[in-house]
Amino acid sequence: MASRLYQVIRRPIITEKGLGVKETQHTVVFEVAQDATKSEIKEAVQRVFKVRVDHVRTANFHGKFRRRGRAEGHRRDWKKAYVRLAEGEKMIEYAENL
């Protein structure tokens, strides 16, 4: 199970919207594995970052068709998770120096 924890959470999403949600709604945003469930995401964040999670929202993004000159292809599909931390929990700091 321990190795699966690090496969569920791929990377933090560091964008203006992600940082805004972090400050206003006590929520962090991650790119997660496509087959990860909400309960797996919750368990992974709780065990990796040692915080309590209130709830998780997810969004699936479908890869788009892109061209660059004659070359064409598809971007990959991916999944985003909005993880709200429980009341009184310290915020996860992954983007302090931006």
Protein backbone atom coordinates (compact mmCIF):
# COMPACT_ATOMS: atom_id res chain seq x y z
CA MET A 1 0.00 0.00 0.00
CA ALA A 2 2.88 2.38 0.75
CA SER A 3 4.16 2.37 -2.84
CA ARG A 4 0.62 3.04 -4.15
CA LEU A 5 0.43 6.24 -2.06
CA TYR A 6 3.16 7.84 -4.13
CA GLN A 7 1.58 6.65 -7.39
CA VAL A 8 -1.81 8.19 -6.52
CA ILE A 9 -0.46 11.73 -6.04
CA ARG A 10 1.52 12.77 -9.11
CA ARG A 11 2.31 16.46 -8.47
CA PRO A 12 0.84 19.63 -6.97
CA ILE A 13 -0.88 22.02 -9.37
CA ILE A 14 0.75 25.44 -8.92
CA THR A 15 -1.37 27.97 -10.81
CA GLU A 16 -3.06 31.25 -9.91
CA LYS A 17 -6.37 29.47 -9.41
CA GLY A 18 -4.74 26.70 -7.35
CA LEU A 19 -2.97 29.16 -5.07
CA GLY A 20 -6.14 31.26 -4.73
CA VAL A 21 -8.17 28.23 -3.65
CA LYS A 22 -5.38 27.31 -1.25
CA GLU A 23 -5.61 30.66 0.53
CA THR A 24 -9.38 31.22 0.49
CA GLN A 25 -10.88 27.73 0.85
CA HIS A 26 -8.11 25.86 2.76
CA THR A 27 -7.84 23.51 -0.24
CA VAL A 28 -4.82 22.09 -2.08
CA VAL A 29 -4.82 20.93 -5.70
CA PHE A 30 -3.00 17.86 -7.05
CA GLU A 31 -2.69 15.99 -10.31
CA VAL A 32 -3.56 12.39 -9.44
CA ALA A 33 -3.59 9.01 -11.14
CA GLN A 34 -6.51 8.50 -13.54
CA ASP A 35 -7.72 5.36 -11.77
CA ALA A 36 -7.46 6.84 -8.25
CA THR A 37 -10.68 7.01 -6.24
CA LYS A 38 -11.61 9.80 -3.82
CA SER A 39 -10.99 7.54 -0.83
CA GLU A 40 -7.53 6.56 -2.17
CA ILE A 41 -6.65 10.23 -2.72
CA LYS A 42 -7.83 11.11 0.80
CA GLU A 43 -5.80 8.28 2.35
CA ALA A 44 -2.69 9.17 0.34
CA VAL A 45 -2.76 12.86 1.31
CA GLN A 46 -3.38 12.03 4.98
CA ARG A 47 -0.51 9.53 5.15
CA VAL A 48 2.05 11.37 3.01
CA PHE A 49 1.53 14.90 4.40
CA LYS A 50 0.28 13.87 7.89
CA VAL A 51 -2.83 16.06 7.83
CA ARG A 52 -6.55 15.34 8.19
CA VAL A 53 -8.66 15.71 5.05
CA ASP A 54 -12.25 16.96 5.16
CA HIS A 55 -13.30 15.96 1.63
CA VAL A 56 -12.06 15.51 -1.93
CA ARG A 57 -13.45 16.76 -5.26
CA THR A 58 -12.13 15.44 -8.56
CA ALA A 59 -12.25 16.56 -12.18
CA ASN A 60 -11.29 14.55 -15.29
CA PHE A 61 -9.67 16.34 -18.22
CA HIS A 62 -9.66 14.78 -21.66
CA GLY A 63 -6.59 15.17 -23.85
CA LYS A 64 -6.98 17.54 -26.76
CA PHE A 65 -5.89 17.09 -30.37
CA ARG A 66 -2.94 19.37 -31.13
CA ARG A 67 -0.91 20.18 -34.25
CA ARG A 68 2.47 21.79 -34.64
CA GLY A 69 3.22 22.21 -38.31
CA ARG A 70 2.81 18.80 -39.92
CA ALA A 71 3.19 16.95 -36.64
CA GLU A 72 -0.05 16.07 -34.87
CA GLY A 73 -1.00 14.20 -31.76
CA HIS A 74 -3.05 14.14 -28.59
CA ARG A 75 -2.33 15.49 -25.16
CA ARG A 76 -2.80 12.88 -22.48
CA ASP A 77 -5.92 12.55 -20.32
CA TRP A 78 -5.43 13.54 -16.68
CA LYS A 79 -7.27 13.94 -13.39
CA LYS A 80 -7.22 16.81 -10.89
CA ALA A 81 -8.13 16.55 -7.21
CA TYR A 82 -9.19 19.42 -4.94
CA VAL A 83 -8.41 18.30 -1.37
CA ARG A 84 -9.97 20.34 1.44
CA LEU A 85 -8.12 20.04 4.72
CA ALA A 86 -9.98 19.65 8.01
CA GLU A 87 -10.61 22.66 10.23
CA GLY A 88 -7.55 23.61 12.28
CA GLU A 89 -5.06 21.69 10.11
CA LYS A 90 -1.84 23.39 9.07
CA MET A 91 -1.71 24.14 5.33
CA ILE A 92 0.62 22.04 3.18
CA GLU A 93 3.44 24.33 1.99
CA TYR A 94 4.72 23.41 -1.46
CA ALA A 95 4.78 26.82 -3.15
CA GLU A 96 6.19 29.30 -0.65
CA ASN A 97 8.74 31.05 -2.85
CA LEU A 98 6.54 32.11 -5.77
